[in-house]
């Protein structure tokens, strides 16, 4: 599923430099966890790892084989949804 980043998340990340995609993902999850609006969409068990820069656990019905956390794609047309501009 492709989802574009909300403008208020983009604004908080814009201007930061990320050496790797892993650095970007870590900053993204931490930004969501510390946002007053979006953090309400996650449970405590999801927010604690997010504050550390880790992805939240996904509800079982939203998981794929062997993956229990949300994942971000950094290649192909799906990667455009992470554009901060």
PDB file of N, CA and C in Angstrom:
ATOM      1  N   UNK A   1       0.841  -1.164   0.000  1.00  0.00           N
ATOM      2  CA  UNK A   1       0.000   0.000   0.000  1.00  0.00           C
ATOM      3  C   UNK A   1       0.895   1.238   0.000  1.00  0.00           C
ATOM      4  N   UNK A   2       0.674   2.125  -0.920  1.00  0.00           N
ATOM      5  CA  UNK A   2       1.412   3.385  -0.983  1.00  0.00           C
ATOM      6  C   UNK A   2       0.645   4.459  -0.232  1.00  0.00           C
ATOM      7  N   UNK A   3       1.328   5.140   0.638  1.00  0.00           N
ATOM      8  CA  UNK A   3       0.738   6.241   1.371  1.00  0.00           C
ATOM      9  C   UNK A   3       1.742   7.382   1.383  1.00  0.00           C
ATOM     10  N   UNK A   4       1.312   8.554   0.974  1.00  0.00           N
ATOM     11  CA  UNK A   4       2.203   9.707   0.997  1.00  0.00           C
ATOM     12  C   UNK A   4       2.317  10.241   2.416  1.00  0.00           C
ATOM     13  N   UNK A   5       3.454  10.824   2.700  1.00  0.00           N
ATOM     14  CA  UNK A   5       3.680  11.373   4.032  1.00  0.00           C
ATOM     15  C   UNK A   5       2.795  12.596   4.265  1.00  0.00           C
ATOM     16  N   UNK A   6       2.219  12.693   5.453  1.00  0.00           N
ATOM     17  CA  UNK A   6       1.426  13.876   5.790  1.00  0.00           C
ATOM     18  C   UNK A   6       2.313  15.125   5.813  1.00  0.00           C
ATOM     19  N   UNK A   7       1.749  16.246   5.450  1.00  0.00           N
ATOM     20  CA  UNK A   7       2.512  17.497   5.355  1.00  0.00           C
ATOM     21  C   UNK A   7       3.180  17.864   6.675  1.00  0.00           C
ATOM     22  N   UNK A   8       2.507  17.661   7.810  1.00  0.00           N
ATOM     23  CA  UNK A   8       3.125  18.050   9.080  1.00  0.00           C
ATOM     24  C   UNK A   8       4.320  17.164   9.427  1.00  0.00           C
ATOM     25  N   UNK A   9       4.345  15.919   8.955  1.00  0.00           N
ATOM     26  CA  UNK A   9       5.507  15.051   9.154  1.00  0.00           C
ATOM     27  C   UNK A   9       6.626  15.489   8.216  1.00  0.00           C
ATOM     28  N   UNK A  10       6.279  15.771   6.961  1.00  0.00           N
ATOM     29  CA  UNK A  10       7.280  16.258   5.997  1.00  0.00           C
ATOM     30  C   UNK A  10       7.957  17.522   6.510  1.00  0.00           C
ATOM     31  N   UNK A  11       7.162  18.438   7.045  1.00  0.00           N
ATOM     32  CA  UNK A  11       7.695  19.707   7.533  1.00  0.00           C
ATOM     33  C   UNK A  11       8.721  19.484   8.636  1.00  0.00           C
ATOM     34  N   UNK A  12       8.455  18.549   9.515  1.00  0.00           N
ATOM     35  CA  UNK A  12       9.378  18.273  10.619  1.00  0.00           C
ATOM     36  C   UNK A  12      10.667  17.617  10.135  1.00  0.00           C
ATOM     37  N   UNK A  13      10.609  16.878   9.034  1.00  0.00           N
ATOM     38  CA  UNK A  13      11.790  16.182   8.513  1.00  0.00           C
ATOM     39  C   UNK A  13      12.556  17.006   7.478  1.00  0.00           C
ATOM     40  N   UNK A  14      11.870  17.925   6.840  1.00  0.00           N
ATOM     41  CA  UNK A  14      12.483  18.713   5.764  1.00  0.00           C
ATOM     42  C   UNK A  14      13.706  19.467   6.278  1.00  0.00           C
ATOM     43  N   UNK A  15      14.767  19.448   5.480  1.00  0.00           N
ATOM     44  CA  UNK A  15      16.001  20.143   5.832  1.00  0.00           C
ATOM     45  C   UNK A  15      16.998  19.277   6.575  1.00  0.00           C
ATOM     46  N   UNK A  16      16.564  18.133   7.074  1.00  0.00           N
ATOM     47  CA  UNK A  16      17.488  17.222   7.736  1.00  0.00           C
ATOM     48  C   UNK A  16      18.273  16.441   6.684  1.00  0.00           C
ATOM     49  N   UNK A  17      19.484  16.048   7.026  1.00  0.00           N
ATOM     50  CA  UNK A  17      20.324  15.252   6.134  1.00  0.00           C
ATOM     51  C   UNK A  17      20.340  13.810   6.642  1.00  0.00           C
ATOM     52  N   UNK A  18      20.112  12.876   5.734  1.00  0.00           N
ATOM     53  CA  UNK A  18      20.111  11.457   6.085  1.00  0.00           C
ATOM     54  C   UNK A  18      21.185  10.755   5.263  1.00  0.00           C
ATOM     55  N   UNK A  19      22.124  10.135   5.936  1.00  0.00           N
ATOM     56  CA  UNK A  19      23.217   9.444   5.244  1.00  0.00           C
ATOM     57  C   UNK A  19      22.722   8.185   4.547  1.00  0.00           C
ATOM     58  N   UNK A  20      21.753   7.520   5.147  1.00  0.00           N
ATOM     59  CA  UNK A  20      21.239   6.269   4.586  1.00  0.00           C
ATOM     60  C   UNK A  20      19.719   6.253   4.685  1.00  0.00           C
ATOM     61  N   UNK A  21      19.112   5.325   3.953  1.00  0.00           N
ATOM     62  CA  UNK A  21      17.666   5.168   4.052  1.00  0.00           C
ATOM     63  C   UNK A  21      17.287   4.708   5.461  1.00  0.00           C
ATOM     64  N   UNK A  22      18.142   3.920   6.087  1.00  0.00           N
ATOM     65  CA  UNK A  22      17.891   3.481   7.467  1.00  0.00           C
ATOM     66  C   UNK A  22      17.825   4.682   8.413  1.00  0.00           C
ATOM     67  N   UNK A  23      18.684   5.669   8.194  1.00  0.00           N
ATOM     68  CA  UNK A  23      18.650   6.888   9.012  1.00  0.00           C
ATOM     69  C   UNK A  23      17.332   7.638   8.808  1.00  0.00           C
ATOM     70  N   UNK A  24      16.882   7.707   7.549  1.00  0.00           N
ATOM     71  CA  UNK A  24      15.604   8.356   7.248  1.00  0.00           C
ATOM     72  C   UNK A  24      14.457   7.631   7.951  1.00  0.00           C
ATOM     73  N   UNK A  25      14.437   6.291   7.845  1.00  0.00           N
ATOM     74  CA  UNK A  25      13.364   5.514   8.478  1.00  0.00           C
ATOM     75  C   UNK A  25      13.337   5.749   9.982  1.00  0.00           C
ATOM     76  N   UNK A  26      14.497   5.751  10.590  1.00  0.00           N
ATOM     77  CA  UNK A  26      14.579   5.961  12.033  1.00  0.00           C
ATOM     78  C   UNK A  26      14.010   7.326  12.420  1.00  0.00           C
ATOM     79  N   UNK A  27      14.389   8.356  11.668  1.00  0.00           N
ATOM     80  CA  UNK A  27      13.871   9.704  11.938  1.00  0.00           C
ATOM     81  C   UNK A  27      12.369   9.770  11.687  1.00  0.00           C
ATOM     82  N   UNK A  28      11.910   9.095  10.654  1.00  0.00           N
ATOM     83  CA  UNK A  28      10.482   9.101  10.329  1.00  0.00           C
ATOM     84  C   UNK A  28       9.655   8.490  11.456  1.00  0.00           C
ATOM     85  N   UNK A  29      10.035   7.294  11.912  1.00  0.00           N
ATOM     86  CA  UNK A  29       9.259   6.637  12.970  1.00  0.00           C
ATOM     87  C   UNK A  29       9.298   7.455  14.256  1.00  0.00           C
ATOM     88  N   UNK A  30      10.441   8.015  14.566  1.00  0.00           N
ATOM     89  CA  UNK A  30      10.558   8.846  15.764  1.00  0.00           C
ATOM     90  C   UNK A  30       9.683  10.102  15.655  1.00  0.00           C
ATOM     91  N   UNK A  31       9.632  10.683  14.462  1.00  0.00           N
ATOM     92  CA  UNK A  31       8.801  11.871  14.239  1.00  0.00           C
ATOM     93  C   UNK A  31       7.328  11.549  14.422  1.00  0.00           C
ATOM     94  N   UNK A  32       6.883  10.420  13.880  1.00  0.00           N
ATOM     95  CA  UNK A  32       5.486  10.003  14.075  1.00  0.00           C
ATOM     96  C   UNK A  32       5.192   9.801  15.561  1.00  0.00           C
ATOM     97  N   UNK A  33       6.108   9.140  16.273  1.00  0.00           N
ATOM     98  CA  UNK A  33       5.884   8.841  17.691  1.00  0.00           C
ATOM     99  C   UNK A  33       5.801  10.098  18.542  1.00  0.00           C
ATOM    100  N   UNK A  34       6.510  11.136  18.134  1.00  0.00           N
ATOM    101  CA  UNK A  34       6.546  12.371  18.916  1.00  0.00           C
ATOM    102  C   UNK A  34       5.574  13.435  18.422  1.00  0.00           C
ATOM    103  N   UNK A  35       4.774  13.106  17.425  1.00  0.00           N
ATOM    104  CA  UNK A  35       3.780  14.041  16.906  1.00  0.00           C
ATOM    105  C   UNK A  35       2.480  13.885  17.705  1.00  0.00           C
ATOM    106  N   UNK A  36       1.970  14.994  18.205  1.00  0.00           N
ATOM    107  CA  UNK A  36       0.775  14.957  19.058  1.00  0.00           C
ATOM    108  C   UNK A  36      -0.436  14.354  18.360  1.00  0.00           C
ATOM    109  N   UNK A  37      -0.579  14.577  17.074  1.00  0.00           N
ATOM    110  CA  UNK A  37      -1.730  14.057  16.331  1.00  0.00           C
ATOM    111  C   UNK A  37      -1.550  12.592  15.959  1.00  0.00           C
ATOM    112  N   UNK A  38      -0.448  12.280  15.307  1.00  0.00           N
ATOM    113  CA  UNK A  38      -0.270  10.930  14.773  1.00  0.00           C
ATOM    114  C   UNK A  38       0.057   9.889  15.840  1.00  0.00           C
ATOM    115  N   UNK A  39       0.666  10.299  16.929  1.00  0.00           N
ATOM    116  CA  UNK A  39       0.995   9.326  17.973  1.00  0.00           C
ATOM    117  C   UNK A  39      -0.260   8.706  18.587  1.00  0.00           C
ATOM    118  N   UNK A  40      -1.392   9.401  18.495  1.00  0.00           N
ATOM    119  CA  UNK A  40      -2.646   8.870  19.037  1.00  0.00           C
ATOM    120  C   UNK A  40      -3.144   7.654  18.260  1.00  0.00           C
ATOM    121  N   UNK A  41      -2.614   7.438  17.064  1.00  0.00           N
ATOM    122  CA  UNK A  41      -3.044   6.314  16.235  1.00  0.00           C
ATOM    123  C   UNK A  41      -2.326   5.015  16.593  1.00  0.00           C
ATOM    124  N   UNK A  42      -1.392   5.085  17.537  1.00  0.00           N
ATOM    125  CA  UNK A  42      -0.597   3.923  17.899  1.00  0.00           C
ATOM    126  C   UNK A  42      -0.762   3.615  19.377  1.00  0.00           C
ATOM    127  N   UNK A  43      -0.636   2.341  19.717  1.00  0.00           N
ATOM    128  CA  UNK A  43      -0.685   1.923  21.107  1.00  0.00           C
ATOM    129  C   UNK A  43       0.674   2.091  21.763  1.00  0.00           C
ATOM    130  N   UNK A  44       0.709   2.011  23.088  1.00  0.00           N
ATOM    131  CA  UNK A  44       1.964   2.158  23.829  1.00  0.00           C
ATOM    132  C   UNK A  44       2.997   1.145  23.368  1.00  0.00           C
ATOM    133  N   UNK A  45       2.555  -0.093  23.124  1.00  0.00           N
ATOM    134  CA  UNK A  45       3.485  -1.134  22.685  1.00  0.00           C
ATOM    135  C   UNK A  45       4.094  -0.808  21.322  1.00  0.00           C
ATOM    136  N   UNK A  46       3.438   0.048  20.538  1.00  0.00           N
ATOM    137  CA  UNK A  46       3.981   0.481  19.252  1.00  0.00           C
ATOM    138  C   UNK A  46       4.831   1.744  19.412  1.00  0.00           C
ATOM    139  N   UNK A  47       4.416   2.650  20.277  1.00  0.00           N
ATOM    140  CA  UNK A  47       5.107   3.931  20.437  1.00  0.00           C
ATOM    141  C   UNK A  47       6.491   3.793  21.057  1.00  0.00           C
ATOM    142  N   UNK A  48       6.652   2.890  21.999  1.00  0.00           N
ATOM    143  CA  UNK A  48       7.955   2.758  22.653  1.00  0.00           C
ATOM    144  C   UNK A  48       9.071   2.466  21.658  1.00  0.00           C
ATOM    145  N   UNK A  49       8.938   1.473  20.764  1.00  0.00           N
ATOM    146  CA  UNK A  49      10.010   1.272  19.783  1.00  0.00           C
ATOM    147  C   UNK A  49      10.112   2.421  18.776  1.00  0.00           C
ATOM    148  N   UNK A  50       8.984   3.035  18.430  1.00  0.00           N
ATOM    149  CA  UNK A  50       9.004   4.141  17.473  1.00  0.00           C
ATOM    150  C   UNK A  50       9.823   5.314  18.007  1.00  0.00           C
ATOM    151  N   UNK A  51       9.721   5.590  19.280  1.00  0.00           N
ATOM    152  CA  UNK A  51      10.492   6.683  19.881  1.00  0.00           C
ATOM    153  C   UNK A  51      11.990   6.423  19.777  1.00  0.00           C
ATOM    154  N   UNK A  52      12.358   5.155  19.666  1.00  0.00           N
ATOM    155  CA  UNK A  52      13.760   4.759  19.498  1.00  0.00           C
ATOM    156  C   UNK A  52      14.149   4.683  18.024  1.00  0.00           C
ATOM    157  N   UNK A  53      13.189   4.982  17.123  1.00  0.00           N
ATOM    158  CA  UNK A  53      13.468   4.955  15.694  1.00  0.00           C
ATOM    159  C   UNK A  53      13.145   3.645  15.001  1.00  0.00           C
ATOM    160  N   UNK A  54      12.474   2.744  15.705  1.00  0.00           N
ATOM    161  CA  UNK A  54      12.113   1.448  15.121  1.00  0.00           C
ATOM    162  C   UNK A  54      10.677   1.489  14.609  1.00  0.00           C
ATOM    163  N   UNK A  55      10.360   0.674  13.609  1.00  0.00           N
ATOM    164  CA  UNK A  55       8.982   0.656  13.098  1.00  0.00           C
ATOM    165  C   UNK A  55       8.028   0.024  14.103  1.00  0.00           C
ATOM    166  N   UNK A  56       6.772   0.445  14.073  1.00  0.00           N
ATOM    167  CA  UNK A  56       5.786  -0.153  14.981  1.00  0.00           C
ATOM    168  C   UNK A  56       5.384  -1.541  14.512  1.00  0.00           C
ATOM    169  N   UNK A  57       4.964  -2.347  15.447  1.00  0.00           N
ATOM    170  CA  UNK A  57       4.409  -3.654  15.106  1.00  0.00           C
ATOM    171  C   UNK A  57       3.071  -3.424  14.426  1.00  0.00           C
ATOM    172  N   UNK A  58       2.834  -4.201  13.390  1.00  0.00           N
ATOM    173  CA  UNK A  58       1.576  -4.099  12.651  1.00  0.00           C
ATOM    174  C   UNK A  58       0.563  -5.078  13.233  1.00  0.00           C
ATOM    175  N   UNK A  59      -0.725  -4.744  13.202  1.00  0.00           N
ATOM    176  CA  UNK A  59      -1.737  -5.720  13.590  1.00  0.00           C
ATOM    177  C   UNK A  59      -1.595  -6.959  12.702  1.00  0.00           C
ATOM    178  N   UNK A  60      -1.848  -8.105  13.262  1.00  0.00           N
ATOM    179  CA  UNK A  60      -1.592  -9.357  12.550  1.00  0.00           C
ATOM    180  C   UNK A  60      -2.256  -9.394  11.178  1.00  0.00           C
ATOM    181  N   UNK A  61      -3.480  -8.881  11.053  1.00  0.00           N
ATOM    182  CA  UNK A  61      -4.189  -8.938   9.773  1.00  0.00           C
ATOM    183  C   UNK A  61      -3.547  -8.045   8.703  1.00  0.00           C
ATOM    184  N   UNK A  62      -2.597  -7.187   9.095  1.00  0.00           N
ATOM    185  CA  UNK A  62      -1.907  -6.326   8.135  1.00  0.00           C
ATOM    186  C   UNK A  62      -0.485  -6.799   7.844  1.00  0.00           C
ATOM    187  N   UNK A  63      -0.137  -7.978   8.299  1.00  0.00           N
ATOM    188  CA  UNK A  63       1.230  -8.458   8.120  1.00  0.00           C
ATOM    189  C   UNK A  63       1.364  -9.346   6.896  1.00  0.00           C
ATOM    190  N   UNK A  64       2.603  -9.420   6.423  1.00  0.00           N
ATOM    191  CA  UNK A  64       2.954 -10.335   5.348  1.00  0.00           C
ATOM    192  C   UNK A  64       3.770 -11.466   5.941  1.00  0.00           C
ATOM    193  N   UNK A  65       4.072 -12.438   5.127  1.00  0.00           N
ATOM    194  CA  UNK A  65       4.838 -13.595   5.594  1.00  0.00           C
ATOM    195  C   UNK A  65       6.112 -13.164   6.318  1.00  0.00           C
ATOM    196  N   UNK A  66       6.228 -13.517   7.568  1.00  0.00           N
ATOM    197  CA  UNK A  66       7.446 -13.300   8.326  1.00  0.00           C
ATOM    198  C   UNK A  66       7.722 -11.873   8.780  1.00  0.00           C
ATOM    199  N   UNK A  67       6.888 -10.933   8.449  1.00  0.00           N
ATOM    200  CA  UNK A  67       7.134  -9.544   8.839  1.00  0.00           C
ATOM    201  C   UNK A  67       6.027  -9.076   9.770  1.00  0.00           C
ATOM    202  N   UNK A  68       6.394  -8.665  10.964  1.00  0.00           N
ATOM    203  CA  UNK A  68       5.401  -8.205  11.938  1.00  0.00           C
ATOM    204  C   UNK A  68       5.392  -6.692  12.102  1.00  0.00           C
ATOM    205  N   UNK A  69       6.323  -5.998  11.467  1.00  0.00           N
ATOM    206  CA  UNK A  69       6.396  -4.543  11.577  1.00  0.00           C
ATOM    207  C   UNK A  69       6.058  -3.895  10.247  1.00  0.00           C
ATOM    208  N   UNK A  70       5.648  -2.647  10.310  1.00  0.00           N
ATOM    209  CA  UNK A  70       5.429  -1.890   9.080  1.00  0.00           C
ATOM    210  C   UNK A  70       6.772  -1.698   8.383  1.00  0.00           C
ATOM    211  N   UNK A  71       6.752  -1.672   7.066  1.00  0.00           N
ATOM    212  CA  UNK A  71       7.979  -1.517   6.297  1.00  0.00           C
ATOM    213  C   UNK A  71       7.840  -0.379   5.303  1.00  0.00           C
ATOM    214  N   UNK A  72       8.953   0.276   5.015  1.00  0.00           N
ATOM    215  CA  UNK A  72       9.009   1.333   4.011  1.00  0.00           C
ATOM    216  C   UNK A  72       9.809   0.826   2.826  1.00  0.00           C
ATOM    217  N   UNK A  73       9.369   1.173   1.647  1.00  0.00           N
ATOM    218  CA  UNK A  73      10.056   0.777   0.418  1.00  0.00           C
ATOM    219  C   UNK A  73      10.933   1.934  -0.046  1.00  0.00           C
ATOM    220  N   UNK A  74      12.159   1.638  -0.456  1.00  0.00           N
ATOM    221  CA  UNK A  74      13.048   2.707  -0.913  1.00  0.00           C
ATOM    222  C   UNK A  74      13.491   2.539  -2.362  1.00  0.00           C
ATOM    223  N   UNK A  75      12.709   1.820  -3.150  1.00  0.00           N
ATOM    224  CA  UNK A  75      13.049   1.663  -4.562  1.00  0.00           C
ATOM    225  C   UNK A  75      11.781   1.570  -5.392  1.00  0.00           C
ATOM    226  N   UNK A  76      11.913   1.837  -6.662  1.00  0.00           N
ATOM    227  CA  UNK A  76      10.769   1.777  -7.556  1.00  0.00           C
ATOM    228  C   UNK A  76       9.842   2.962  -7.362  1.00  0.00           C
ATOM    229  N   UNK A  77       8.695   2.929  -8.030  1.00  0.00           N
ATOM    230  CA  UNK A  77       7.764   4.060  -7.939  1.00  0.00           C
ATOM    231  C   UNK A  77       7.226   4.284  -6.528  1.00  0.00           C
ATOM    232  N   UNK A  78       7.236   3.241  -5.694  1.00  0.00           N
ATOM    233  CA  UNK A  78       6.738   3.378  -4.322  1.00  0.00           C
ATOM    234  C   UNK A  78       7.568   4.364  -3.513  1.00  0.00           C
ATOM    235  N   UNK A  79       8.843   4.499  -3.838  1.00  0.00           N
ATOM    236  CA  UNK A  79       9.738   5.364  -3.069  1.00  0.00           C
ATOM    237  C   UNK A  79       9.361   6.834  -3.185  1.00  0.00           C
ATOM    238  N   UNK A  80       8.652   7.221  -4.233  1.00  0.00           N
ATOM    239  CA  UNK A  80       8.275   8.626  -4.404  1.00  0.00           C
ATOM    240  C   UNK A  80       7.361   9.123  -3.283  1.00  0.00           C
ATOM    241  N   UNK A  81       6.672   8.222  -2.618  1.00  0.00           N
ATOM    242  CA  UNK A  81       5.773   8.658  -1.548  1.00  0.00           C
ATOM    243  C   UNK A  81       6.545   9.176  -0.339  1.00  0.00           C
ATOM    244  N   UNK A  82       7.872   8.967  -0.296  1.00  0.00           N
ATOM    245  CA  UNK A  82       8.700   9.463   0.808  1.00  0.00           C
ATOM    246  C   UNK A  82       9.339  10.810   0.486  1.00  0.00           C
ATOM    247  N   UNK A  83       8.997  11.390  -0.656  1.00  0.00           N
ATOM    248  CA  UNK A  83       9.563  12.676  -1.061  1.00  0.00           C
ATOM    249  C   UNK A  83       9.140  13.757  -0.068  1.00  0.00           C
ATOM    250  N   UNK A  84      10.090  14.508   0.430  1.00  0.00           N
ATOM    251  CA  UNK A  84       9.800  15.542   1.429  1.00  0.00           C
ATOM    252  C   UNK A  84       9.472  16.892   0.809  1.00  0.00           C
ATOM    253  N   UNK A  85       9.550  16.996  -0.503  1.00  0.00           N
ATOM    254  CA  UNK A  85       9.256  18.278  -1.174  1.00  0.00           C
ATOM    255  C   UNK A  85       7.817  18.377  -1.592  1.00  0.00           C
TER     256      UNK A  85
END
